[in-house]
Amino acid sequence: MGTFCEVQVYDSNASRAESAIRAALDEMARIDHLLSDYDPASELSVMNREAAKGPFHASAELFEFVTLCRRFYDNTLGTFDPTVGALVRAWGFFSRQPGVPSAPEISGAKAASGFDKVRLNESDRTILYTTPELEMDPGGIGKGYAVDKAVAVLKGLGIRSALVSAGGSSMYGIGHPPGKSGWKVAISNPSDPGKPFALVDLRDNSLSSSGVSHQSVKDGAHSYSHIFDPRNGAPVENICQVTVVAPTGTETDALTKAAFILARDQVIDVLKRYSGAHALRVEGGCRANSPVWATPWSSAVFVHSP
């Protein structure tokens, strides 16, 4: 996943806590090996190479993962679409030196993207790409999915108080730390990263954040987001940062894309489909006076930091 994963556990038995932490991190490493598009041996990488040649027979877990992605694609008006791998690669976000691609490169990448070009056959458990060079990029949901899998391992081992984090941008709080109401998570201020502007108490739910300050391409004075609108293939403009809270990490990861791309009324419509989902976003540039907007029912979730 190209990031650090962290697990914190409170338990009366130190040995059980340490064993649970190791098991949770091992599970996240397993998911990384399943879904990594940096690892040519991962099943997802094999699928990306083979699914355009003919129906790819996927493992039950990978097929379930792609089916889950398809469901989010349908429910977010097409704004969550992990098939934009060709666009991400064209902009260089798989490398250490991203840059603005040429118009022909963008056009070619757009032609090779789109979940409408993926065929799922549930009876045969096969996945087929109907266009060559289509590439599934799990970066928009993979961390949240790995967090959820680690949480399931911890709960299965009887852990009742833990925080699982993938890179600090996708996390889940099990229960609460001793003497606290929940796992207090600070949402960074993009114009002053050292000073959070909101706090969230995580308790048996998840949080994901994404923003242009985390990863972007500079072209002169202009900064291009690493988040694309899959409907037109262009980096999203005029949104600085989005945070979503929801019951699972897969939900928060996927819904940050909708909250980043859609207009306010559309964000409200999409998040109403998910019980316990909340969004907070910094609009416009990443400046001290940038507008901050939240879903209307979320004032008790995102607490202003003094």
C-alpha atoms as a PDB file:
ATOM      1  CA  MET A   1       0.000   0.000   0.000  1.00  0.00           C
ATOM      2  CA  GLY A   2       3.041   2.244  -0.016  1.00  0.00           C
ATOM      3  CA  THR A   3       2.445   3.414   3.538  1.00  0.00           C
ATOM      4  CA  PHE A   4       2.870   2.529   7.210  1.00  0.00           C
ATOM      5  CA  CYS A   5       0.171   0.538   8.987  1.00  0.00           C
ATOM      6  CA  GLU A   6      -0.318   0.802  12.731  1.00  0.00           C
ATOM      7  CA  VAL A   7      -2.382  -1.077  15.305  1.00  0.00           C
ATOM      8  CA  GLN A   8      -2.910   0.058  18.893  1.00  0.00           C
ATOM      9  CA  VAL A   9      -4.575  -2.282  21.375  1.00  0.00           C
ATOM     10  CA  TYR A  10      -5.718  -1.971  24.982  1.00  0.00           C
ATOM     11  CA  ASP A  11      -6.203  -5.312  26.731  1.00  0.00           C
ATOM     12  CA  SER A  12      -5.774  -6.722  30.224  1.00  0.00           C
ATOM     13  CA  ASN A  13      -3.513  -9.454  28.836  1.00  0.00           C
ATOM     14  CA  ALA A  14      -0.317  -8.047  27.287  1.00  0.00           C
ATOM     15  CA  SER A  15       0.556 -11.303  25.549  1.00  0.00           C
ATOM     16  CA  ARG A  16      -2.869 -11.507  23.917  1.00  0.00           C
ATOM     17  CA  ALA A  17      -2.622  -7.861  22.851  1.00  0.00           C
ATOM     18  CA  GLU A  18       0.788  -8.392  21.224  1.00  0.00           C
ATOM     19  CA  SER A  19      -0.386 -11.561  19.477  1.00  0.00           C
ATOM     20  CA  ALA A  20      -3.493  -9.764  18.198  1.00  0.00           C
ATOM     21  CA  ILE A  21      -1.436  -6.851  16.865  1.00  0.00           C
ATOM     22  CA  ARG A  22       0.848  -9.237  14.958  1.00  0.00           C
ATOM     23  CA  ALA A  23      -2.147 -11.093  13.526  1.00  0.00           C
ATOM     24  CA  ALA A  24      -3.818  -7.839  12.416  1.00  0.00           C
ATOM     25  CA  LEU A  25      -0.657  -6.552  10.722  1.00  0.00           C
ATOM     26  CA  ASP A  26      -0.131  -9.944   9.051  1.00  0.00           C
ATOM     27  CA  GLU A  27      -3.667  -9.689   7.673  1.00  0.00           C
ATOM     28  CA  MET A  28      -2.985  -6.220   6.263  1.00  0.00           C
ATOM     29  CA  ALA A  29       0.201  -7.556   4.639  1.00  0.00           C
ATOM     30  CA  ARG A  30      -1.843 -10.394   3.119  1.00  0.00           C
ATOM     31  CA  ILE A  31      -4.331  -7.918   1.645  1.00  0.00           C
ATOM     32  CA  ASP A  32      -1.440  -5.861   0.288  1.00  0.00           C
ATOM     33  CA  HIS A  33      -0.096  -8.926  -1.492  1.00  0.00           C
ATOM     34  CA  LEU A  34      -3.563  -9.680  -2.893  1.00  0.00           C
ATOM     35  CA  LEU A  35      -4.328  -6.163  -4.175  1.00  0.00           C
ATOM     36  CA  SER A  36      -0.994  -4.421  -4.752  1.00  0.00           C
ATOM     37  CA  ASP A  37      -0.555  -2.968  -8.223  1.00  0.00           C
ATOM     38  CA  TYR A  38       3.131  -2.450  -7.374  1.00  0.00           C
ATOM     39  CA  ASP A  39       3.672  -6.201  -6.957  1.00  0.00           C
ATOM     40  CA  PRO A  40       3.608  -8.013 -10.336  1.00  0.00           C
ATOM     41  CA  ALA A  41       2.927 -11.287  -8.506  1.00  0.00           C
ATOM     42  CA  SER A  42      -0.240 -10.084  -6.739  1.00  0.00           C
ATOM     43  CA  GLU A  43      -3.502 -11.576  -7.956  1.00  0.00           C
ATOM     44  CA  LEU A  44      -4.779  -8.115  -8.894  1.00  0.00           C
ATOM     45  CA  SER A  45      -1.687  -7.491 -11.058  1.00  0.00           C
ATOM     46  CA  VAL A  46      -2.170 -10.847 -12.754  1.00  0.00           C
ATOM     47  CA  MET A  47      -5.818  -9.941 -13.392  1.00  0.00           C
ATOM     48  CA  ASN A  48      -4.781  -6.615 -14.912  1.00  0.00           C
ATOM     49  CA  ARG A  49      -2.484  -8.462 -17.323  1.00  0.00           C
ATOM     50  CA  GLU A  50      -4.870 -11.276 -18.225  1.00  0.00           C
ATOM     51  CA  ALA A  51      -8.497 -10.071 -17.986  1.00  0.00           C
ATOM     52  CA  ALA A  52      -8.441  -8.298 -21.373  1.00  0.00           C
ATOM     53  CA  LYS A  53      -7.298 -11.512 -23.089  1.00  0.00           C
ATOM     54  CA  GLY A  54     -10.253 -13.542 -21.835  1.00  0.00           C
ATOM     55  CA  PRO A  55     -12.340 -14.247 -18.707  1.00  0.00           C
ATOM     56  CA  PHE A  56     -10.041 -14.262 -15.670  1.00  0.00           C
ATOM     57  CA  HIS A  57     -10.927 -16.854 -13.013  1.00  0.00           C
ATOM     58  CA  ALA A  58     -10.582 -14.910  -9.763  1.00  0.00           C
ATOM     59  CA  SER A  59     -10.293 -16.165  -6.213  1.00  0.00           C
ATOM     60  CA  ALA A  60     -13.449 -15.798  -4.140  1.00  0.00           C
ATOM     61  CA  GLU A  61     -11.911 -12.885  -2.244  1.00  0.00           C
ATOM     62  CA  LEU A  62     -10.771 -10.919  -5.290  1.00  0.00           C
ATOM     63  CA  PHE A  63     -14.112 -11.468  -7.026  1.00  0.00           C
ATOM     64  CA  GLU A  64     -15.921 -10.244  -3.895  1.00  0.00           C
ATOM     65  CA  PHE A  65     -13.633  -7.189  -3.782  1.00  0.00           C
ATOM     66  CA  VAL A  66     -14.269  -6.243  -7.430  1.00  0.00           C
ATOM     67  CA  THR A  67     -18.008  -6.812  -6.932  1.00  0.00           C
ATOM     68  CA  LEU A  68     -17.890  -4.473  -3.916  1.00  0.00           C
ATOM     69  CA  CYS A  69     -16.136  -1.866  -6.053  1.00  0.00           C
ATOM     70  CA  ARG A  70     -18.850  -2.212  -8.693  1.00  0.00           C
ATOM     71  CA  ARG A  71     -21.524  -1.599  -6.059  1.00  0.00           C
ATOM     72  CA  PHE A  72     -19.802   1.600  -4.902  1.00  0.00           C
ATOM     73  CA  TYR A  73     -19.428   2.681  -8.533  1.00  0.00           C
ATOM     74  CA  ASP A  74     -23.183   2.303  -9.034  1.00  0.00           C
ATOM     75  CA  ASN A  75     -24.093   4.021  -5.739  1.00  0.00           C
ATOM     76  CA  THR A  76     -21.787   7.039  -6.156  1.00  0.00           C
ATOM     77  CA  LEU A  77     -22.992   8.107  -9.602  1.00  0.00           C
ATOM     78  CA  GLY A  78     -19.819   6.697 -11.124  1.00  0.00           C
ATOM     79  CA  THR A  79     -17.479   8.913  -9.082  1.00  0.00           C
ATOM     80  CA  PHE A  80     -15.830   5.963  -7.350  1.00  0.00           C
ATOM     81  CA  ASP A  81     -14.213   4.049 -10.201  1.00  0.00           C
ATOM     82  CA  PRO A  82     -11.037   2.033  -9.583  1.00  0.00           C
ATOM     83  CA  THR A  83     -10.526   1.417 -13.309  1.00  0.00           C
ATOM     84  CA  VAL A  84      -8.729   4.760 -13.708  1.00  0.00           C
ATOM     85  CA  GLY A  85      -5.355   3.016 -13.376  1.00  0.00           C
ATOM     86  CA  ALA A  86      -4.347   4.096 -16.882  1.00  0.00           C
ATOM     87  CA  LEU A  87      -5.025   7.738 -15.991  1.00  0.00           C
ATOM     88  CA  VAL A  88      -3.144   7.462 -12.703  1.00  0.00           C
ATOM     89  CA  ARG A  89      -0.212   5.931 -14.577  1.00  0.00           C
ATOM     90  CA  ALA A  90      -0.332   8.605 -17.308  1.00  0.00           C
ATOM     91  CA  TRP A  91       0.021  11.320 -14.658  1.00  0.00           C
ATOM     92  CA  GLY A  92       2.901   9.429 -13.036  1.00  0.00           C
ATOM     93  CA  PHE A  93       1.257   8.806  -9.663  1.00  0.00           C
ATOM     94  CA  PHE A  94       2.630   5.245  -9.675  1.00  0.00           C
ATOM     95  CA  SER A  95       6.127   6.762  -9.819  1.00  0.00           C
ATOM     96  CA  ARG A  96       8.141   9.129  -7.664  1.00  0.00           C
ATOM     97  CA  GLN A  97       8.055  11.867 -10.309  1.00  0.00           C
ATOM     98  CA  PRO A  98       4.478  12.628 -11.397  1.00  0.00           C
ATOM     99  CA  GLY A  99       3.944  15.165 -14.173  1.00  0.00           C
ATOM    100  CA  VAL A 100       1.327  16.613 -16.518  1.00  0.00           C
ATOM    101  CA  PRO A 101       0.817  14.240 -19.478  1.00  0.00           C
ATOM    102  CA  SER A 102       0.244  15.320 -23.066  1.00  0.00           C
ATOM    103  CA  ALA A 103      -3.255  15.586 -24.541  1.00  0.00           C
ATOM    104  CA  PRO A 104      -2.828  12.360 -26.597  1.00  0.00           C
ATOM    105  CA  GLU A 105      -1.646  10.505 -23.476  1.00  0.00           C
ATOM    106  CA  ILE A 106      -4.709  11.695 -21.529  1.00  0.00           C
ATOM    107  CA  SER A 107      -7.026  10.744 -24.397  1.00  0.00           C
ATOM    108  CA  GLY A 108      -5.527   7.268 -24.629  1.00  0.00           C
ATOM    109  CA  ALA A 109      -5.769   6.743 -20.875  1.00  0.00           C
ATOM    110  CA  LYS A 110      -9.430   7.829 -20.842  1.00  0.00           C
ATOM    111  CA  ALA A 111     -10.225   5.337 -23.589  1.00  0.00           C
ATOM    112  CA  ALA A 112      -8.680   2.585 -21.444  1.00  0.00           C
ATOM    113  CA  SER A 113     -10.687   3.496 -18.309  1.00  0.00           C
ATOM    114  CA  GLY A 114     -14.255   2.949 -17.100  1.00  0.00           C
ATOM    115  CA  PHE A 115     -16.048   0.331 -14.989  1.00  0.00           C
ATOM    116  CA  ASP A 116     -18.571  -0.061 -17.806  1.00  0.00           C
ATOM    117  CA  LYS A 117     -15.764  -1.979 -19.559  1.00  0.00           C
ATOM    118  CA  VAL A 118     -15.607  -4.625 -16.789  1.00  0.00           C
ATOM    119  CA  ARG A 119     -17.796  -7.740 -17.021  1.00  0.00           C
ATOM    120  CA  LEU A 120     -18.434  -9.817 -13.892  1.00  0.00           C
ATOM    121  CA  ASN A 121     -19.757 -13.365 -14.230  1.00  0.00           C
ATOM    122  CA  GLU A 122     -20.883 -14.521 -10.798  1.00  0.00           C
ATOM    123  CA  SER A 123     -21.698 -18.100 -11.788  1.00  0.00           C
ATOM    124  CA  ASP A 124     -18.215 -18.685 -13.239  1.00  0.00           C
ATOM    125  CA  ARG A 125     -16.496 -16.181 -10.892  1.00  0.00           C
ATOM    126  CA  THR A 126     -14.738 -14.590 -13.827  1.00  0.00           C
ATOM    127  CA  ILE A 127     -13.757 -11.002 -14.598  1.00  0.00           C
ATOM    128  CA  LEU A 128     -13.348  -9.739 -18.159  1.00  0.00           C
ATOM    129  CA  TYR A 129     -12.022  -6.399 -19.406  1.00  0.00           C
ATOM    130  CA  THR A 130     -13.634  -5.443 -22.721  1.00  0.00           C
ATOM    131  CA  THR A 131     -10.839  -3.080 -23.704  1.00  0.00           C
ATOM    132  CA  PRO A 132      -7.057  -3.621 -23.705  1.00  0.00           C
ATOM    133  CA  GLU A 133      -4.866  -1.666 -21.294  1.00  0.00           C
ATOM    134  CA  LEU A 134      -7.677  -1.207 -18.762  1.00  0.00           C
ATOM    135  CA  GLU A 135      -6.093  -1.318 -15.318  1.00  0.00           C
ATOM    136  CA  MET A 136      -7.752  -1.713 -11.944  1.00  0.00           C
ATOM    137  CA  ASP A 137      -6.170   0.625  -9.366  1.00  0.00           C
ATOM    138  CA  PRO A 138      -7.286  -0.307  -5.822  1.00  0.00           C
ATOM    139  CA  GLY A 139      -5.636   2.741  -4.240  1.00  0.00           C
ATOM    140  CA  GLY A 140      -8.980   4.455  -3.697  1.00  0.00           C
ATOM    141  CA  ILE A 141     -10.343   1.693  -1.470  1.00  0.00           C
ATOM    142  CA  GLY A 142      -7.558  -0.778  -0.721  1.00  0.00           C
ATOM    143  CA  LYS A 143      -6.421   0.786   2.540  1.00  0.00           C
ATOM    144  CA  GLY A 144      -9.943   0.912   3.931  1.00  0.00           C
ATOM    145  CA  TYR A 145     -10.518  -2.692   2.870  1.00  0.00           C
ATOM    146  CA  ALA A 146      -7.297  -3.781   4.605  1.00  0.00           C
ATOM    147  CA  VAL A 147      -8.304  -1.876   7.745  1.00  0.00           C
ATOM    148  CA  ASP A 148     -11.670  -3.665   7.796  1.00  0.00           C
ATOM    149  CA  LYS A 149      -9.980  -7.055   7.436  1.00  0.00           C
ATOM    150  CA  ALA A 150      -7.582  -6.272  10.293  1.00  0.00           C
ATOM    151  CA  VAL A 151     -10.507  -5.137  12.459  1.00  0.00           C
ATOM    152  CA  ALA A 152     -12.276  -8.447  11.793  1.00  0.00           C
ATOM    153  CA  VAL A 153      -9.157 -10.325  12.944  1.00  0.00           C
ATOM    154  CA  LEU A 154      -8.925  -8.277  16.153  1.00  0.00           C
ATOM    155  CA  LYS A 155     -12.604  -8.730  16.966  1.00  0.00           C
ATOM    156  CA  GLY A 156     -12.293 -12.456  16.265  1.00  0.00           C
ATOM    157  CA  LEU A 157      -9.512 -12.612  18.865  1.00  0.00           C
ATOM    158  CA  GLY A 158     -11.697 -10.904  21.481  1.00  0.00           C
ATOM    159  CA  ILE A 159     -10.115  -7.442  21.311  1.00  0.00           C
ATOM    160  CA  ARG A 160     -12.563  -4.756  22.430  1.00  0.00           C
ATOM    161  CA  SER A 161     -10.387  -1.639  22.332  1.00  0.00           C
ATOM    162  CA  ALA A 162      -8.126  -0.898  19.363  1.00  0.00           C
ATOM    163  CA  LEU A 163      -7.266   1.614  16.667  1.00  0.00           C
ATOM    164  CA  VAL A 164      -6.213   0.373  13.214  1.00  0.00           C
ATOM    165  CA  SER A 165      -4.620   2.881  10.858  1.00  0.00           C
ATOM    166  CA  ALA A 166      -3.336   2.662   7.284  1.00  0.00           C
ATOM    167  CA  GLY A 167      -1.110   5.656   6.692  1.00  0.00           C
ATOM    168  CA  GLY A 168      -3.149   7.846   9.018  1.00  0.00           C
ATOM    169  CA  SER A 169      -5.626   8.462   6.189  1.00  0.00           C
ATOM    170  CA  SER A 170      -7.844   5.394   6.709  1.00  0.00           C
ATOM    171  CA  MET A 171      -8.571   4.179  10.237  1.00  0.00           C
ATOM    172  CA  TYR A 172     -11.082   2.340  12.404  1.00  0.00           C
ATOM    173  CA  GLY A 173     -11.685   2.587  16.148  1.00  0.00           C
ATOM    174  CA  ILE A 174     -12.847  -0.516  18.014  1.00  0.00           C
ATOM    175  CA  GLY A 175     -14.578   0.455  21.248  1.00  0.00           C
ATOM    176  CA  HIS A 176     -12.735   3.161  23.162  1.00  0.00           C
ATOM    177  CA  PRO A 177      -9.526   3.642  25.160  1.00  0.00           C
ATOM    178  CA  PRO A 178      -9.832   3.392  28.951  1.00  0.00           C
ATOM    179  CA  GLY A 179     -11.529   6.439  30.411  1.00  0.00           C
ATOM    180  CA  LYS A 180     -12.305   7.951  27.008  1.00  0.00           C
ATOM    181  CA  SER A 181     -15.515   8.205  24.998  1.00  0.00           C
ATOM    182  CA  GLY A 182     -13.768   7.134  21.795  1.00  0.00           C
ATOM    183  CA  TRP A 183     -10.579   7.273  19.786  1.00  0.00           C
ATOM    184  CA  LYS A 184     -10.011  10.981  19.282  1.00  0.00           C
ATOM    185  CA  VAL A 185      -8.777  11.714  15.756  1.00  0.00           C
ATOM    186  CA  ALA A 186      -7.633  15.163  14.665  1.00  0.00           C
ATOM    187  CA  ILE A 187      -8.477  16.398  11.160  1.00  0.00           C
ATOM    188  CA  SER A 188      -5.539  18.422   9.924  1.00  0.00           C
ATOM    189  CA  ASN A 189      -5.909  21.997   8.770  1.00  0.00           C
ATOM    190  CA  PRO A 190      -4.532  22.063   5.200  1.00  0.00           C
ATOM    191  CA  SER A 191      -3.467  25.705   5.553  1.00  0.00           C
ATOM    192  CA  ASP A 192      -1.770  25.018   8.919  1.00  0.00           C
ATOM    193  CA  PRO A 193      -1.010  21.268   9.227  1.00  0.00           C
ATOM    194  CA  GLY A 194       0.278  21.631  12.770  1.00  0.00           C
ATOM    195  CA  LYS A 195      -3.119  22.810  14.011  1.00  0.00           C
ATOM    196  CA  PRO A 196      -6.210  20.604  13.562  1.00  0.00           C
ATOM    197  CA  PHE A 197      -9.463  22.383  12.839  1.00  0.00           C
ATOM    198  CA  ALA A 198     -11.822  19.527  13.810  1.00  0.00           C
ATOM    199  CA  LEU A 199     -11.852  16.455  16.054  1.00  0.00           C
ATOM    200  CA  VAL A 200     -13.727  13.175  15.650  1.00  0.00           C
ATOM    201  CA  ASP A 201     -14.424  10.549  18.289  1.00  0.00           C
ATOM    202  CA  LEU A 202     -14.167   7.165  16.544  1.00  0.00           C
ATOM    203  CA  ARG A 203     -16.063   4.370  18.273  1.00  0.00           C
ATOM    204  CA  ASP A 204     -16.853   1.279  16.239  1.00  0.00           C
ATOM    205  CA  ASN A 205     -16.649   3.221  13.005  1.00  0.00           C
ATOM    206  CA  SER A 206     -14.137   4.404  10.441  1.00  0.00           C
ATOM    207  CA  LEU A 207     -12.645   7.621   9.078  1.00  0.00           C
ATOM    208  CA  SER A 208     -10.867   8.390   5.807  1.00  0.00           C
ATOM    209  CA  SER A 209      -9.298  11.644   4.647  1.00  0.00           C
ATOM    210  CA  SER A 210      -7.933  12.712   1.286  1.00  0.00           C
ATOM    211  CA  GLY A 211      -6.617  16.001  -0.037  1.00  0.00           C
ATOM    212  CA  VAL A 212      -4.528  17.712  -2.664  1.00  0.00           C
ATOM    213  CA  SER A 213      -1.938  18.606  -0.038  1.00  0.00           C
ATOM    214  CA  HIS A 214      -1.294  14.852   0.411  1.00  0.00           C
ATOM    215  CA  GLN A 215      -0.413  14.141  -3.222  1.00  0.00           C
ATOM    216  CA  SER A 216      -0.538  16.388  -6.287  1.00  0.00           C
ATOM    217  CA  VAL A 217       1.255  17.426  -9.477  1.00  0.00           C
ATOM    218  CA  LYS A 218       2.719  20.921  -9.751  1.00  0.00           C
ATOM    219  CA  ASP A 219       2.751  22.634 -13.145  1.00  0.00           C
ATOM    220  CA  GLY A 220       4.053  26.146 -12.574  1.00  0.00           C
ATOM    221  CA  ALA A 221       1.728  27.796 -10.076  1.00  0.00           C
ATOM    222  CA  HIS A 222      -1.054  25.253 -10.696  1.00  0.00           C
ATOM    223  CA  SER A 223      -1.511  22.161  -8.534  1.00  0.00           C
ATOM    224  CA  TYR A 224      -3.361  19.152  -9.977  1.00  0.00           C
ATOM    225  CA  SER A 225      -5.084  16.737  -7.608  1.00  0.00           C
ATOM    226  CA  HIS A 226      -4.291  13.013  -7.654  1.00  0.00           C
ATOM    227  CA  ILE A 227      -8.062  12.446  -7.458  1.00  0.00           C
ATOM    228  CA  PHE A 228      -9.734  12.158 -10.867  1.00  0.00           C
ATOM    229  CA  ASP A 229     -13.329  12.588 -11.901  1.00  0.00           C
ATOM    230  CA  PRO A 230     -13.681   9.276 -13.738  1.00  0.00           C
ATOM    231  CA  ARG A 231     -16.567  10.653 -15.767  1.00  0.00           C
ATOM    232  CA  ASN A 232     -14.296  13.060 -17.665  1.00  0.00           C
ATOM    233  CA  GLY A 233     -10.808  11.799 -16.772  1.00  0.00           C
ATOM    234  CA  ALA A 234      -9.671  15.145 -15.359  1.00  0.00           C
ATOM    235  CA  PRO A 235      -8.165  15.904 -11.925  1.00  0.00           C
ATOM    236  CA  VAL A 236     -10.746  17.400  -9.554  1.00  0.00           C
ATOM    237  CA  GLU A 237     -10.513  21.172  -9.169  1.00  0.00           C
ATOM    238  CA  ASN A 238     -11.556  23.526  -6.352  1.00  0.00           C
ATOM    239  CA  ILE A 239     -11.697  20.975  -3.533  1.00  0.00           C
ATOM    240  CA  CYS A 240      -8.826  20.936  -1.055  1.00  0.00           C
ATOM    241  CA  GLN A 241      -9.614  18.164   1.421  1.00  0.00           C
ATOM    242  CA  VAL A 242     -12.377  15.694   2.316  1.00  0.00           C
ATOM    243  CA  THR A 243     -12.984  13.583   5.431  1.00  0.00           C
ATOM    244  CA  VAL A 244     -15.701  10.925   5.632  1.00  0.00           C
ATOM    245  CA  VAL A 245     -16.866   8.982   8.709  1.00  0.00           C
ATOM    246  CA  ALA A 246     -18.890   5.785   8.207  1.00  0.00           C
ATOM    247  CA  PRO A 247     -19.341   2.315   9.720  1.00  0.00           C
ATOM    248  CA  THR A 248     -16.574   0.648   7.645  1.00  0.00           C
ATOM    249  CA  GLY A 249     -13.252   1.548   6.075  1.00  0.00           C
ATOM    250  CA  THR A 250     -14.359   0.462   2.603  1.00  0.00           C
ATOM    251  CA  GLU A 251     -17.295   2.862   2.877  1.00  0.00           C
ATOM    252  CA  THR A 252     -15.214   5.803   4.065  1.00  0.00           C
ATOM    253  CA  ASP A 253     -12.564   5.236   1.394  1.00  0.00           C
ATOM    254  CA  ALA A 254     -15.072   4.951  -1.459  1.00  0.00           C
ATOM    255  CA  LEU A 255     -17.327   7.769  -0.263  1.00  0.00           C
ATOM    256  CA  THR A 256     -14.451  10.253  -0.016  1.00  0.00           C
ATOM    257  CA  LYS A 257     -14.333  10.131  -3.825  1.00  0.00           C
ATOM    258  CA  ALA A 258     -18.008  11.048  -4.114  1.00  0.00           C
ATOM    259  CA  ALA A 259     -17.606  13.790  -1.501  1.00  0.00           C
ATOM    260  CA  PHE A 260     -14.560  15.128  -3.365  1.00  0.00           C
ATOM    261  CA  ILE A 261     -16.144  15.189  -6.816  1.00  0.00           C
ATOM    262  CA  LEU A 262     -19.876  15.837  -6.498  1.00  0.00           C
ATOM    263  CA  ALA A 263     -21.803  19.031  -5.798  1.00  0.00           C
ATOM    264  CA  ARG A 264     -23.117  19.474  -2.265  1.00  0.00           C
ATOM    265  CA  ASP A 265     -26.684  18.343  -2.994  1.00  0.00           C
ATOM    266  CA  GLN A 266     -25.394  15.220  -4.763  1.00  0.00           C
ATOM    267  CA  VAL A 267     -23.066  14.410  -1.853  1.00  0.00           C
ATOM    268  CA  ILE A 268     -26.074  14.606   0.463  1.00  0.00           C
ATOM    269  CA  ASP A 269     -28.085  12.260  -1.779  1.00  0.00           C
ATOM    270  CA  VAL A 270     -25.262   9.697  -2.000  1.00  0.00           C
ATOM    271  CA  LEU A 271     -24.377   9.668   1.708  1.00  0.00           C
ATOM    272  CA  LYS A 272     -28.035   9.303   2.697  1.00  0.00           C
ATOM    273  CA  ARG A 273     -27.810   5.810   1.188  1.00  0.00           C
ATOM    274  CA  TYR A 274     -25.277   4.805   3.864  1.00  0.00           C
ATOM    275  CA  SER A 275     -26.416   4.772   7.487  1.00  0.00           C
ATOM    276  CA  GLY A 276     -23.961   6.581   9.757  1.00  0.00           C
ATOM    277  CA  ALA A 277     -22.091   8.312   6.914  1.00  0.00           C
ATOM    278  CA  HIS A 278     -20.835  11.898   7.354  1.00  0.00           C
ATOM    279  CA  ALA A 279     -18.657  14.191   5.224  1.00  0.00           C
ATOM    280  CA  LEU A 280     -16.584  17.303   5.912  1.00  0.00           C
ATOM    281  CA  ARG A 281     -14.743  19.106   3.131  1.00  0.00           C
ATOM    282  CA  VAL A 282     -12.564  22.150   2.604  1.00  0.00           C
ATOM    283  CA  GLU A 283     -13.597  23.805  -0.640  1.00  0.00           C
ATOM    284  CA  GLY A 284     -11.651  26.052  -2.973  1.00  0.00           C
ATOM    285  CA  GLY A 285      -7.945  26.478  -2.379  1.00  0.00           C
ATOM    286  CA  CYS A 286      -6.119  25.248   0.702  1.00  0.00           C
ATOM    287  CA  ARG A 287      -6.173  28.653   2.383  1.00  0.00           C
ATOM    288  CA  ALA A 288      -7.010  29.831   5.886  1.00  0.00           C
ATOM    289  CA  ASN A 289     -10.262  31.399   4.668  1.00  0.00           C
ATOM    290  CA  SER A 290     -11.383  28.485   2.471  1.00  0.00           C
ATOM    291  CA  PRO A 291     -15.056  27.495   2.945  1.00  0.00           C
ATOM    292  CA  VAL A 292     -15.647  24.415   5.116  1.00  0.00           C
ATOM    293  CA  TRP A 293     -18.830  22.413   4.467  1.00  0.00           C
ATOM    294  CA  ALA A 294     -20.307  19.357   6.203  1.00  0.00           C
ATOM    295  CA  THR A 295     -23.329  17.180   5.567  1.00  0.00           C
ATOM    296  CA  PRO A 296     -26.253  18.830   7.420  1.00  0.00           C
ATOM    297  CA  TRP A 297     -26.685  16.021   9.957  1.00  0.00           C
ATOM    298  CA  SER A 298     -23.013  15.897  10.999  1.00  0.00           C
ATOM    299  CA  SER A 299     -22.490  18.805  13.425  1.00  0.00           C
ATOM    300  CA  ALA A 300     -22.095  16.451  16.410  1.00  0.00           C
ATOM    301  CA  VAL A 301     -19.529  14.274  14.581  1.00  0.00           C
ATOM    302  CA  PHE A 302     -17.041  16.935  13.463  1.00  0.00           C
ATOM    303  CA  VAL A 303     -16.281  18.967  16.586  1.00  0.00           C
ATOM    304  CA  HIS A 304     -14.507  22.277  16.060  1.00  0.00           C
ATOM    305  CA  SER A 305     -11.029  22.289  17.560  1.00  0.00           C
ATOM    306  CA  PRO A 306     -10.332  25.312  19.794  1.00  0.00           C
END
